[in-house]
Amino acid sequence: MKLIHLLILLSTMLCLACQDDNSPIITEDPPPVIVAERCVDFEEATSEDTGYLVFDKGQQEEGSASGIKINKEWDASPELIIDSTDFRIVNRTFWRGIIDGYDYGEFLTLAELLRLFDMPTDIPIGCYSLDDNETNIDQNYIRCSYSLHHGDTWIARYQLDPTADNQIEIIESNQEQGVFKAKLAASFFTDENPGLPEYPNSLRFFNVDIAIGGE
């Protein structure tokens, strides 16, 4: 009788073991990977202008901004500035070294400002149109401006060309970690230009990559 009970017990244990071996393995799904919407495509230079000035990129302490200005390589020093509810990106170039026949040496004198304003700190990655009047995130607009300087002296303020494709594609944005990555394309024009070829009346930035922080 004891032998029968022992055989029943062993059979039961074997059955349970078989069930355990065949039981499905439950795993948690990985977190979804958020992929930025694409809207800023590669462009070829079409302008043949050559007389305008190209300025120095500066020290690029926080990251880099690089692309094409009209038809020449353009590099700048970007900065991430955070307020309580929003942030902005300021890209600067400088009069440095020999420019327009004058040697500025290593002294950094402000030349260009390309700015992106009033972006909410929780802005989703993706595509936004650029506007130079006011930000309206609900309508996917981000404020953008461009101006030329000689230090503290204005040379010209530019307006966004409303007939052009003016877009920013935010790839990554994390203000707590000081990270911002984006692609940009924008065209500007001005009526304030003193008429010198060194300062074009209209220009386009394209194939621009802005990278602050991160790897």
N, C-alpha and C. Protein backbone atom coordinates (compact mmCIF):
# COMPACT_ATOMS: atom_id res chain seq x y z
N MET A 1 0.83 -1.21 0.00
CA MET A 1 0.00 0.00 0.00
C MET A 1 0.87 1.26 0.00
N LYS A 2 1.91 1.22 0.86
CA LYS A 2 2.81 2.36 0.91
C LYS A 2 3.51 2.55 -0.43
N LEU A 3 3.82 1.44 -1.09
CA LEU A 3 4.46 1.53 -2.40
C LEU A 3 3.56 2.23 -3.42
N ILE A 4 2.26 1.92 -3.36
CA ILE A 4 1.30 2.55 -4.28
C ILE A 4 1.24 4.05 -4.04
N HIS A 5 1.17 4.42 -2.73
CA HIS A 5 1.13 5.86 -2.40
C HIS A 5 2.39 6.57 -2.89
N LEU A 6 3.55 5.89 -2.74
CA LEU A 6 4.81 6.48 -3.18
C LEU A 6 4.83 6.67 -4.69
N LEU A 7 4.31 5.69 -5.41
CA LEU A 7 4.27 5.80 -6.88
C LEU A 7 3.36 6.94 -7.32
N ILE A 8 2.20 7.07 -6.62
CA ILE A 8 1.27 8.18 -6.95
C ILE A 8 1.94 9.53 -6.71
N LEU A 9 2.66 9.64 -5.58
CA LEU A 9 3.34 10.89 -5.26
C LEU A 9 4.40 11.24 -6.29
N LEU A 10 5.17 10.23 -6.71
CA LEU A 10 6.21 10.48 -7.71
C LEU A 10 5.60 10.89 -9.05
N SER A 11 4.49 10.25 -9.42
CA SER A 11 3.81 10.59 -10.68
C SER A 11 3.31 12.03 -10.66
N THR A 12 2.73 12.40 -9.50
CA THR A 12 2.23 13.77 -9.36
C THR A 12 3.36 14.80 -9.50
N MET A 13 4.49 14.52 -8.87
CA MET A 13 5.63 15.43 -8.93
C MET A 13 6.16 15.55 -10.35
N LEU A 14 6.21 14.42 -11.07
CA LEU A 14 6.67 14.44 -12.45
C LEU A 14 5.74 15.27 -13.33
N CYS A 15 4.43 15.12 -13.10
CA CYS A 15 3.45 15.90 -13.88
C CYS A 15 3.61 17.39 -13.64
N LEU A 16 3.80 17.75 -12.35
CA LEU A 16 3.99 19.16 -12.02
C LEU A 16 5.26 19.71 -12.65
N ALA A 17 6.30 18.89 -12.63
CA ALA A 17 7.56 19.32 -13.23
C ALA A 17 7.41 19.56 -14.72
N CYS A 18 6.66 18.63 -15.38
CA CYS A 18 6.43 18.79 -16.82
C CYS A 18 5.65 20.06 -17.12
N GLN A 19 4.67 20.35 -16.27
CA GLN A 19 3.88 21.56 -16.47
C GLN A 19 4.74 22.81 -16.31
N ASP A 20 5.65 22.78 -15.30
CA ASP A 20 6.52 23.92 -15.08
C ASP A 20 7.44 24.15 -16.28
N ASP A 21 7.95 23.03 -16.84
CA ASP A 21 8.87 23.14 -17.97
C ASP A 21 8.17 23.70 -19.20
N ASN A 22 6.89 23.39 -19.37
CA ASN A 22 6.16 23.82 -20.55
C ASN A 22 5.41 25.13 -20.36
N SER A 23 5.47 25.69 -19.16
CA SER A 23 4.72 26.93 -18.89
C SER A 23 5.34 28.07 -19.68
N PRO A 24 4.53 28.97 -20.22
CA PRO A 24 5.05 30.08 -21.02
C PRO A 24 5.88 31.05 -20.18
N ILE A 25 6.94 31.60 -20.79
CA ILE A 25 7.79 32.57 -20.12
C ILE A 25 7.19 33.96 -20.31
N ILE A 26 6.86 34.62 -19.22
CA ILE A 26 6.22 35.93 -19.27
C ILE A 26 7.29 37.00 -19.16
N THR A 27 7.37 37.86 -20.13
CA THR A 27 8.33 38.97 -20.12
C THR A 27 7.59 40.29 -20.30
N GLU A 28 8.16 41.35 -19.74
CA GLU A 28 7.57 42.68 -19.88
C GLU A 28 7.97 43.27 -21.23
N ASP A 29 7.03 43.96 -21.85
CA ASP A 29 7.32 44.62 -23.11
C ASP A 29 8.30 45.77 -22.88
N PRO A 30 9.28 45.96 -23.77
CA PRO A 30 10.21 47.09 -23.61
C PRO A 30 9.47 48.40 -23.82
N PRO A 31 9.96 49.48 -23.21
CA PRO A 31 9.30 50.78 -23.40
C PRO A 31 9.35 51.18 -24.87
N PRO A 32 8.30 51.82 -25.36
CA PRO A 32 8.27 52.20 -26.78
C PRO A 32 9.36 53.21 -27.11
N VAL A 33 9.96 53.06 -28.26
CA VAL A 33 10.97 54.00 -28.73
C VAL A 33 10.27 55.09 -29.53
N ILE A 34 10.43 56.34 -29.07
CA ILE A 34 9.79 57.47 -29.73
C ILE A 34 10.71 57.96 -30.85
N VAL A 35 10.23 57.95 -32.06
CA VAL A 35 11.00 58.38 -33.22
C VAL A 35 10.47 59.73 -33.69
N ALA A 36 11.38 60.68 -33.85
CA ALA A 36 10.96 62.02 -34.26
C ALA A 36 10.41 62.01 -35.67
N GLU A 37 9.36 62.78 -35.88
CA GLU A 37 8.82 62.97 -37.22
C GLU A 37 9.87 63.67 -38.08
N ARG A 38 10.02 63.26 -39.33
CA ARG A 38 11.00 63.86 -40.23
C ARG A 38 10.36 64.98 -41.04
N CYS A 39 11.07 66.13 -41.13
CA CYS A 39 10.54 67.21 -41.96
C CYS A 39 11.65 68.07 -42.56
N VAL A 40 12.87 67.95 -42.07
CA VAL A 40 13.98 68.75 -42.60
C VAL A 40 14.87 67.83 -43.42
N ASP A 41 14.75 67.95 -44.73
CA ASP A 41 15.49 67.07 -45.64
C ASP A 41 16.79 67.73 -46.11
N PHE A 42 17.67 66.91 -46.64
CA PHE A 42 18.93 67.40 -47.20
C PHE A 42 18.65 68.27 -48.42
N GLU A 43 19.36 69.40 -48.52
CA GLU A 43 19.20 70.31 -49.65
C GLU A 43 20.54 70.52 -50.35
N GLU A 44 20.47 70.77 -51.64
CA GLU A 44 21.64 71.16 -52.42
C GLU A 44 21.69 72.68 -52.52
N ALA A 45 22.89 73.25 -52.49
CA ALA A 45 23.04 74.69 -52.65
C ALA A 45 22.74 75.08 -54.09
N THR A 46 21.99 76.15 -54.26
CA THR A 46 21.62 76.62 -55.60
C THR A 46 22.17 78.02 -55.89
N SER A 47 22.45 78.81 -54.83
CA SER A 47 22.93 80.17 -55.02
C SER A 47 24.40 80.18 -55.46
N GLU A 48 24.77 81.19 -56.27
CA GLU A 48 26.15 81.37 -56.70
C GLU A 48 26.79 82.59 -56.06
N ASP A 49 26.14 83.19 -55.05
CA ASP A 49 26.69 84.35 -54.36
C ASP A 49 28.02 83.98 -53.69
N THR A 50 28.97 84.91 -53.72
CA THR A 50 30.28 84.64 -53.12
C THR A 50 30.80 85.78 -52.24
N GLY A 51 30.22 86.95 -52.35
CA GLY A 51 30.82 88.12 -51.71
C GLY A 51 30.51 88.30 -50.23
N TYR A 52 29.61 87.50 -49.67
CA TYR A 52 29.20 87.72 -48.28
C TYR A 52 30.23 87.14 -47.30
N LEU A 53 30.16 87.63 -46.08
CA LEU A 53 31.13 87.25 -45.06
C LEU A 53 30.73 85.94 -44.37
N VAL A 54 31.75 85.17 -44.00
CA VAL A 54 31.57 83.99 -43.16
C VAL A 54 32.34 84.24 -41.87
N PHE A 55 31.67 84.03 -40.74
CA PHE A 55 32.26 84.39 -39.46
C PHE A 55 32.78 83.16 -38.71
N ASP A 56 33.46 83.41 -37.60
CA ASP A 56 34.07 82.34 -36.81
C ASP A 56 33.04 81.67 -35.92
N LYS A 57 33.19 80.37 -35.71
CA LYS A 57 32.24 79.58 -34.93
C LYS A 57 32.33 79.81 -33.43
N GLY A 58 33.41 80.43 -32.95
CA GLY A 58 33.55 80.60 -31.51
C GLY A 58 34.06 79.35 -30.83
N GLN A 59 33.86 79.25 -29.53
CA GLN A 59 34.46 78.17 -28.74
C GLN A 59 33.60 76.92 -28.63
N GLN A 60 32.33 77.00 -28.99
CA GLN A 60 31.43 75.84 -28.98
C GLN A 60 31.54 75.05 -27.66
N GLU A 61 31.42 75.77 -26.55
CA GLU A 61 31.59 75.15 -25.24
C GLU A 61 30.45 74.21 -24.87
N GLU A 62 29.22 74.50 -25.32
CA GLU A 62 28.07 73.66 -24.96
C GLU A 62 27.73 72.63 -26.03
N GLY A 63 28.21 72.84 -27.25
CA GLY A 63 27.87 71.93 -28.34
C GLY A 63 28.24 72.56 -29.66
N SER A 64 27.56 72.14 -30.71
CA SER A 64 27.89 72.65 -32.03
C SER A 64 26.62 72.89 -32.85
N ALA A 65 26.71 73.85 -33.74
CA ALA A 65 25.69 74.09 -34.75
C ALA A 65 26.42 74.21 -36.07
N SER A 66 26.01 73.43 -37.05
CA SER A 66 26.71 73.45 -38.33
C SER A 66 25.73 73.20 -39.47
N GLY A 67 26.04 73.78 -40.62
CA GLY A 67 25.19 73.60 -41.79
C GLY A 67 25.72 74.42 -42.94
N ILE A 68 24.80 74.87 -43.81
CA ILE A 68 25.16 75.69 -44.96
C ILE A 68 24.43 77.03 -44.86
N LYS A 69 25.18 78.10 -45.04
CA LYS A 69 24.62 79.45 -45.14
C LYS A 69 24.78 79.90 -46.59
N ILE A 70 23.69 80.00 -47.32
CA ILE A 70 23.63 80.33 -48.74
C ILE A 70 24.29 79.22 -49.57
N ASN A 71 25.61 79.15 -49.54
CA ASN A 71 26.31 78.05 -50.23
C ASN A 71 27.67 77.74 -49.63
N LYS A 72 27.92 78.29 -48.44
CA LYS A 72 29.19 78.06 -47.74
C LYS A 72 28.93 77.39 -46.39
N GLU A 73 29.93 76.65 -45.92
CA GLU A 73 29.81 76.00 -44.62
C GLU A 73 29.66 77.05 -43.52
N TRP A 74 28.75 76.77 -42.59
CA TRP A 74 28.45 77.68 -41.49
C TRP A 74 28.52 76.91 -40.19
N ASP A 75 29.27 77.43 -39.22
CA ASP A 75 29.39 76.82 -37.90
C ASP A 75 29.20 77.89 -36.84
N ALA A 76 28.55 77.51 -35.74
CA ALA A 76 28.25 78.47 -34.68
C ALA A 76 28.34 77.80 -33.32
N SER A 77 28.31 78.63 -32.29
CA SER A 77 28.31 78.15 -30.91
C SER A 77 26.89 78.24 -30.36
N PRO A 78 26.24 77.09 -30.08
CA PRO A 78 24.88 77.13 -29.54
C PRO A 78 24.90 77.18 -28.01
N GLU A 79 23.84 77.76 -27.45
CA GLU A 79 23.67 77.82 -25.99
C GLU A 79 22.22 77.52 -25.65
N LEU A 80 22.02 76.71 -24.64
CA LEU A 80 20.69 76.37 -24.13
C LEU A 80 20.42 77.23 -22.90
N ILE A 81 19.37 78.05 -22.96
CA ILE A 81 19.02 78.95 -21.85
C ILE A 81 17.63 78.56 -21.36
N ILE A 82 17.52 78.22 -20.07
CA ILE A 82 16.28 77.68 -19.50
C ILE A 82 15.67 78.67 -18.53
N ASP A 83 14.37 78.94 -18.70
CA ASP A 83 13.60 79.71 -17.74
C ASP A 83 12.68 78.77 -16.97
N SER A 84 11.76 79.32 -16.21
CA SER A 84 10.90 78.48 -15.36
C SER A 84 9.96 77.59 -16.16
N THR A 85 9.46 78.07 -17.28
CA THR A 85 8.47 77.30 -18.04
C THR A 85 8.88 77.05 -19.49
N ASP A 86 9.93 77.69 -19.95
CA ASP A 86 10.32 77.52 -21.35
C ASP A 86 11.84 77.64 -21.48
N PHE A 87 12.32 77.45 -22.70
CA PHE A 87 13.74 77.57 -22.95
C PHE A 87 13.97 78.11 -24.35
N ARG A 88 15.20 78.53 -24.63
CA ARG A 88 15.54 79.03 -25.96
C ARG A 88 16.95 78.56 -26.32
N ILE A 89 17.20 78.54 -27.61
CA ILE A 89 18.50 78.17 -28.14
C ILE A 89 19.07 79.40 -28.85
N VAL A 90 20.28 79.79 -28.48
CA VAL A 90 20.95 80.94 -29.09
C VAL A 90 22.21 80.44 -29.79
N ASN A 91 22.28 80.65 -31.10
CA ASN A 91 23.46 80.27 -31.90
C ASN A 91 24.22 81.54 -32.26
N ARG A 92 25.50 81.59 -31.91
CA ARG A 92 26.31 82.78 -32.13
C ARG A 92 27.51 82.49 -33.03
N THR A 93 27.85 83.46 -33.89
CA THR A 93 29.14 83.47 -34.57
C THR A 93 29.84 84.78 -34.22
N PHE A 94 31.13 84.87 -34.60
CA PHE A 94 31.96 85.97 -34.10
C PHE A 94 32.91 86.50 -35.17
N TRP A 95 33.21 87.81 -35.02
CA TRP A 95 34.33 88.40 -35.73
C TRP A 95 35.59 87.96 -34.98
N ARG A 96 36.40 87.14 -35.67
CA ARG A 96 37.59 86.59 -35.03
C ARG A 96 38.60 86.24 -36.11
N GLY A 97 39.88 86.48 -35.86
CA GLY A 97 40.87 86.28 -36.89
C GLY A 97 40.77 87.38 -37.94
N ILE A 98 41.15 87.09 -39.16
CA ILE A 98 41.13 88.09 -40.23
C ILE A 98 39.81 87.99 -40.99
N ILE A 99 38.98 89.01 -40.86
CA ILE A 99 37.69 89.07 -41.56
C ILE A 99 37.57 90.43 -42.21
N ASP A 100 37.27 90.44 -43.51
CA ASP A 100 37.09 91.67 -44.26
C ASP A 100 38.33 92.57 -44.15
N GLY A 101 39.51 91.94 -44.16
CA GLY A 101 40.76 92.67 -44.16
C GLY A 101 41.24 93.15 -42.81
N TYR A 102 40.47 92.91 -41.75
CA TYR A 102 40.88 93.35 -40.41
C TYR A 102 41.16 92.14 -39.54
N ASP A 103 42.24 92.19 -38.77
CA ASP A 103 42.62 91.07 -37.91
C ASP A 103 42.05 91.31 -36.51
N TYR A 104 41.03 90.51 -36.16
CA TYR A 104 40.42 90.62 -34.83
C TYR A 104 41.15 89.78 -33.80
N GLY A 105 42.16 89.03 -34.21
CA GLY A 105 42.90 88.19 -33.29
C GLY A 105 42.01 87.14 -32.66
N GLU A 106 42.21 86.87 -31.39
CA GLU A 106 41.43 85.87 -30.67
C GLU A 106 40.23 86.48 -29.95
N PHE A 107 40.07 87.79 -30.04
CA PHE A 107 38.97 88.44 -29.35
C PHE A 107 37.65 88.11 -30.04
N LEU A 108 36.65 87.64 -29.27
CA LEU A 108 35.37 87.24 -29.83
C LEU A 108 34.40 88.42 -29.83
N THR A 109 34.14 88.96 -31.00
CA THR A 109 33.18 90.05 -31.16
C THR A 109 31.94 89.49 -31.85
N LEU A 110 30.77 89.67 -31.25
CA LEU A 110 29.54 89.07 -31.77
C LEU A 110 29.28 89.50 -33.22
N ALA A 111 28.93 88.52 -34.06
CA ALA A 111 28.63 88.79 -35.47
C ALA A 111 27.20 88.42 -35.84
N GLU A 112 26.77 87.18 -35.52
CA GLU A 112 25.44 86.71 -35.89
C GLU A 112 24.72 86.13 -34.67
N LEU A 113 23.40 86.28 -34.69
CA LEU A 113 22.53 85.63 -33.71
C LEU A 113 21.42 84.91 -34.47
N LEU A 114 21.36 83.60 -34.33
CA LEU A 114 20.24 82.81 -34.86
C LEU A 114 19.57 82.18 -33.64
N ARG A 115 18.34 82.65 -33.35
CA ARG A 115 17.71 82.29 -32.07
C ARG A 115 16.38 81.56 -32.27
N LEU A 116 16.12 80.65 -31.35
CA LEU A 116 14.84 79.93 -31.25
C LEU A 116 14.28 80.22 -29.87
N PHE A 117 13.04 80.75 -29.82
CA PHE A 117 12.49 81.30 -28.59
C PHE A 117 11.35 80.46 -28.00
N ASP A 118 11.14 80.65 -26.70
CA ASP A 118 9.88 80.33 -26.02
C ASP A 118 9.38 78.91 -26.24
N MET A 119 10.29 77.95 -26.26
CA MET A 119 9.88 76.55 -26.39
C MET A 119 9.57 75.99 -25.02
N PRO A 120 8.39 75.40 -24.81
CA PRO A 120 8.05 74.84 -23.50
C PRO A 120 9.05 73.76 -23.09
N THR A 121 9.32 73.68 -21.80
CA THR A 121 10.30 72.70 -21.33
C THR A 121 9.86 71.26 -21.59
N ASP A 122 8.55 71.03 -21.76
CA ASP A 122 8.06 69.68 -22.04
C ASP A 122 7.70 69.51 -23.52
N ILE A 123 8.33 70.26 -24.40
CA ILE A 123 7.97 70.20 -25.81
C ILE A 123 8.24 68.80 -26.36
N PRO A 124 7.29 68.22 -27.08
CA PRO A 124 7.51 66.89 -27.66
C PRO A 124 8.51 66.96 -28.82
N ILE A 125 9.23 65.87 -29.04
CA ILE A 125 10.07 65.83 -30.22
C ILE A 125 9.17 65.77 -31.46
N GLY A 126 9.69 66.20 -32.59
CA GLY A 126 8.89 66.23 -33.80
C GLY A 126 9.13 67.49 -34.60
N CYS A 127 8.24 67.81 -35.51
CA CYS A 127 8.42 68.89 -36.47
C CYS A 127 7.59 70.12 -36.10
N TYR A 128 8.19 71.29 -36.29
CA TYR A 128 7.52 72.55 -36.01
C TYR A 128 7.87 73.55 -37.11
N SER A 129 6.89 74.33 -37.51
CA SER A 129 7.16 75.43 -38.43
C SER A 129 7.75 76.59 -37.64
N LEU A 130 8.53 77.42 -38.32
CA LEU A 130 9.16 78.58 -37.69
C LEU A 130 8.37 79.83 -37.99
N ASP A 131 8.30 80.72 -37.00
CA ASP A 131 7.57 81.97 -37.13
C ASP A 131 8.42 83.06 -36.47
N ASP A 132 8.40 84.27 -36.98
CA ASP A 132 9.21 85.32 -36.35
C ASP A 132 8.38 86.34 -35.59
N ASN A 133 7.12 86.03 -35.34
CA ASN A 133 6.27 86.93 -34.56
C ASN A 133 6.03 86.41 -33.15
N GLU A 134 5.43 85.25 -33.03
CA GLU A 134 5.15 84.70 -31.71
C GLU A 134 5.05 83.18 -31.80
N THR A 135 5.27 82.53 -30.67
CA THR A 135 5.21 81.07 -30.62
C THR A 135 3.77 80.63 -30.42
N ASN A 136 3.36 79.61 -31.14
CA ASN A 136 2.05 79.01 -30.94
C ASN A 136 2.23 77.51 -31.07
N ILE A 137 2.61 76.85 -29.95
CA ILE A 137 2.91 75.42 -29.98
C ILE A 137 1.69 74.62 -30.40
N ASP A 138 0.48 75.08 -30.01
CA ASP A 138 -0.73 74.35 -30.39
C ASP A 138 -0.86 74.24 -31.90
N GLN A 139 -0.30 75.21 -32.61
CA GLN A 139 -0.34 75.19 -34.06
C GLN A 139 1.01 74.79 -34.65
N ASN A 140 1.89 74.22 -33.81
CA ASN A 140 3.20 73.73 -34.24
C ASN A 140 4.11 74.84 -34.79
N TYR A 141 4.11 76.00 -34.14
CA TYR A 141 5.00 77.08 -34.50
C TYR A 141 6.02 77.34 -33.40
N ILE A 142 7.25 77.67 -33.79
CA ILE A 142 8.29 78.08 -32.87
C ILE A 142 8.87 79.39 -33.38
N ARG A 143 9.08 80.33 -32.49
CA ARG A 143 9.60 81.64 -32.89
C ARG A 143 11.09 81.55 -33.22
N CYS A 144 11.49 82.21 -34.29
CA CYS A 144 12.88 82.18 -34.74
C CYS A 144 13.27 83.56 -35.25
N SER A 145 14.52 83.97 -34.98
CA SER A 145 15.00 85.26 -35.48
C SER A 145 16.46 85.16 -35.87
N TYR A 146 16.87 86.07 -36.77
CA TYR A 146 18.26 86.14 -37.19
C TYR A 146 18.64 87.60 -37.32
N SER A 147 19.86 87.94 -36.86
CA SER A 147 20.33 89.32 -36.96
C SER A 147 21.85 89.35 -37.08
N LEU A 148 22.34 90.44 -37.70
CA LEU A 148 23.77 90.67 -37.87
C LEU A 148 24.22 91.78 -36.94
N HIS A 149 25.42 91.61 -36.37
CA HIS A 149 25.93 92.57 -35.38
C HIS A 149 27.41 92.83 -35.62
N HIS A 150 27.87 93.91 -35.03
CA HIS A 150 29.30 94.12 -34.86
C HIS A 150 29.48 94.47 -33.38
N GLY A 151 29.61 93.43 -32.58
CA GLY A 151 29.63 93.62 -31.13
C GLY A 151 28.26 94.09 -30.66
N ASP A 152 28.21 95.24 -30.00
CA ASP A 152 26.95 95.79 -29.50
C ASP A 152 26.20 96.60 -30.56
N THR A 153 26.75 96.73 -31.75
CA THR A 153 26.14 97.54 -32.80
C THR A 153 25.34 96.67 -33.76
N TRP A 154 24.08 97.03 -33.99
CA TRP A 154 23.26 96.32 -34.97
C TRP A 154 23.77 96.63 -36.37
N ILE A 155 23.83 95.61 -37.22
CA ILE A 155 24.05 95.81 -38.65
C ILE A 155 22.73 95.69 -39.39
N ALA A 156 21.98 94.61 -39.11
CA ALA A 156 20.69 94.43 -39.78
C ALA A 156 19.87 93.39 -39.03
N ARG A 157 18.56 93.64 -38.94
CA ARG A 157 17.60 92.64 -38.47
C ARG A 157 16.97 91.98 -39.69
N TYR A 158 16.76 90.68 -39.60
CA TYR A 158 16.18 89.93 -40.71
C TYR A 158 14.81 89.38 -40.31
N GLN A 159 13.98 89.17 -41.31
CA GLN A 159 12.67 88.55 -41.11
C GLN A 159 12.65 87.20 -41.82
N LEU A 160 11.86 86.28 -41.29
CA LEU A 160 11.67 85.01 -41.98
C LEU A 160 10.93 85.23 -43.29
N ASP A 161 11.38 84.54 -44.31
CA ASP A 161 10.71 84.61 -45.61
C ASP A 161 9.48 83.70 -45.57
N PRO A 162 8.26 84.26 -45.59
CA PRO A 162 7.06 83.44 -45.45
C PRO A 162 6.81 82.53 -46.65
N THR A 163 7.51 82.76 -47.76
CA THR A 163 7.32 81.92 -48.94
C THR A 163 8.24 80.70 -48.94
N ALA A 164 9.17 80.63 -47.98
CA ALA A 164 10.14 79.54 -47.93
C ALA A 164 9.68 78.44 -46.97
N ASP A 165 10.35 77.32 -47.03
CA ASP A 165 10.08 76.20 -46.13
C ASP A 165 10.95 76.40 -44.89
N ASN A 166 10.34 76.89 -43.82
CA ASN A 166 11.05 77.19 -42.57
C ASN A 166 10.62 76.21 -41.49
N GLN A 167 11.50 75.26 -41.17
CA GLN A 167 11.13 74.16 -40.29
C GLN A 167 12.25 73.85 -39.30
N ILE A 168 11.85 73.34 -38.14
CA ILE A 168 12.80 72.75 -37.21
C ILE A 168 12.29 71.35 -36.86
N GLU A 169 13.20 70.42 -36.83
CA GLU A 169 12.89 69.02 -36.50
C GLU A 169 13.61 68.70 -35.20
N ILE A 170 12.87 68.68 -34.08
CA ILE A 170 13.46 68.40 -32.77
C ILE A 170 13.64 66.90 -32.62
N ILE A 171 14.87 66.48 -32.43
CA ILE A 171 15.20 65.06 -32.33
C ILE A 171 15.29 64.61 -30.88
N GLU A 172 15.81 65.48 -30.02
CA GLU A 172 15.93 65.16 -28.59
C GLU A 172 15.88 66.46 -27.80
N SER A 173 15.20 66.42 -26.65
CA SER A 173 15.09 67.61 -25.82
C SER A 173 14.94 67.19 -24.37
N ASN A 174 15.93 67.50 -23.56
CA ASN A 174 15.92 67.18 -22.14
C ASN A 174 16.68 68.27 -21.40
N GLN A 175 15.92 69.26 -20.88
CA GLN A 175 16.56 70.40 -20.24
C GLN A 175 17.25 70.02 -18.93
N GLU A 176 16.72 69.04 -18.20
CA GLU A 176 17.35 68.63 -16.94
C GLU A 176 18.77 68.11 -17.18
N GLN A 177 18.97 67.45 -18.31
CA GLN A 177 20.29 66.93 -18.64
C GLN A 177 21.06 67.86 -19.57
N GLY A 178 20.47 68.99 -19.92
CA GLY A 178 21.13 69.94 -20.80
C GLY A 178 21.32 69.44 -22.20
N VAL A 179 20.32 68.72 -22.73
CA VAL A 179 20.43 68.10 -24.04
C VAL A 179 19.39 68.70 -24.99
N PHE A 180 19.84 69.07 -26.18
CA PHE A 180 18.94 69.51 -27.23
C PHE A 180 19.58 69.18 -28.56
N LYS A 181 18.84 68.46 -29.42
CA LYS A 181 19.33 68.11 -30.75
C LYS A 181 18.22 68.37 -31.76
N ALA A 182 18.59 68.98 -32.86
CA ALA A 182 17.57 69.34 -33.85
C ALA A 182 18.21 69.58 -35.21
N LYS A 183 17.37 69.55 -36.24
CA LYS A 183 17.74 69.95 -37.59
C LYS A 183 16.91 71.18 -37.96
N LEU A 184 17.47 72.04 -38.79
CA LEU A 184 16.79 73.31 -39.07
C LEU A 184 17.02 73.74 -40.51
N ALA A 185 16.02 74.38 -41.08
CA ALA A 185 16.13 75.03 -42.39
C ALA A 185 15.28 76.30 -42.34
N ALA A 186 15.87 77.44 -42.72
CA ALA A 186 15.14 78.70 -42.63
C ALA A 186 15.72 79.73 -43.58
N SER A 187 14.84 80.55 -44.16
CA SER A 187 15.25 81.64 -45.07
C SER A 187 14.86 82.98 -44.46
N PHE A 188 15.73 83.98 -44.66
CA PHE A 188 15.50 85.30 -44.09
C PHE A 188 15.76 86.37 -45.15
N PHE A 189 15.18 87.57 -44.91
CA PHE A 189 15.46 88.72 -45.76
C PHE A 189 15.43 89.97 -44.89
N THR A 190 16.01 91.07 -45.39
CA THR A 190 16.02 92.31 -44.63
C THR A 190 15.91 93.52 -45.54
N ASP A 191 15.31 94.57 -45.02
CA ASP A 191 15.27 95.87 -45.70
C ASP A 191 16.23 96.85 -45.04
N GLU A 192 16.97 96.40 -44.00
CA GLU A 192 17.85 97.28 -43.24
C GLU A 192 19.29 97.22 -43.70
N ASN A 193 19.58 96.35 -44.64
CA ASN A 193 20.95 96.19 -45.11
C ASN A 193 21.47 97.49 -45.70
N PRO A 194 22.68 97.91 -45.33
CA PRO A 194 23.23 99.16 -45.88
C PRO A 194 23.63 99.05 -47.34
N GLY A 195 23.36 97.92 -47.98
CA GLY A 195 23.64 97.80 -49.40
C GLY A 195 25.00 97.23 -49.72
N LEU A 196 25.67 96.70 -48.74
CA LEU A 196 27.00 96.12 -48.95
C LEU A 196 26.88 94.64 -49.28
N PRO A 197 27.65 94.15 -50.23
CA PRO A 197 27.55 92.72 -50.59
C PRO A 197 27.99 91.79 -49.47
N GLU A 198 28.80 92.32 -48.53
CA GLU A 198 29.25 91.48 -47.42
C GLU A 198 28.09 91.03 -46.54
N TYR A 199 26.99 91.83 -46.55
CA TYR A 199 25.80 91.53 -45.75
C TYR A 199 24.63 91.31 -46.70
N PRO A 200 24.33 90.09 -47.05
CA PRO A 200 23.31 89.83 -48.09
C PRO A 200 21.92 90.28 -47.65
N ASN A 201 21.11 90.70 -48.63
CA ASN A 201 19.74 91.11 -48.36
C ASN A 201 18.85 89.90 -48.03
N SER A 202 19.24 88.74 -48.53
CA SER A 202 18.48 87.52 -48.24
C SER A 202 19.45 86.36 -48.12
N LEU A 203 19.08 85.37 -47.34
CA LEU A 203 19.94 84.21 -47.14
C LEU A 203 19.13 83.03 -46.63
N ARG A 204 19.69 81.85 -46.81
CA ARG A 204 19.04 80.63 -46.32
C ARG A 204 20.05 79.80 -45.56
N PHE A 205 19.61 79.30 -44.40
CA PHE A 205 20.35 78.29 -43.64
C PHE A 205 19.69 76.94 -43.91
N PHE A 206 20.48 75.94 -44.25
CA PHE A 206 19.91 74.62 -44.49
C PHE A 206 20.95 73.55 -44.15
N ASN A 207 20.49 72.31 -44.06
CA ASN A 207 21.32 71.18 -43.59
C ASN A 207 21.97 71.52 -42.25
N VAL A 208 21.22 72.26 -41.42
CA VAL A 208 21.75 72.68 -40.11
C VAL A 208 21.45 71.62 -39.06
N ASP A 209 22.49 71.23 -38.34
CA ASP A 209 22.37 70.32 -37.20
C ASP A 209 22.80 71.05 -35.94
N ILE A 210 21.92 71.06 -34.94
CA ILE A 210 22.23 71.68 -33.65
C ILE A 210 22.33 70.55 -32.62
N ALA A 211 23.44 70.50 -31.89
CA ALA A 211 23.64 69.43 -30.91
C ALA A 211 24.24 70.03 -29.64
N ILE A 212 23.47 69.98 -28.56
CA ILE A 212 23.93 70.47 -27.26
C ILE A 212 23.82 69.31 -26.27
N GLY A 213 24.92 68.99 -25.59
CA GLY A 213 24.92 67.93 -24.59
C GLY A 213 24.75 66.55 -25.21
N GLY A 214 24.64 65.53 -24.35
CA GLY A 214 24.47 64.16 -24.81
C GLY A 214 25.77 63.60 -25.38
N GLU A 215 25.66 62.41 -25.93
CA GLU A 215 26.85 61.75 -26.49
C GLU A 215 27.01 62.11 -27.96
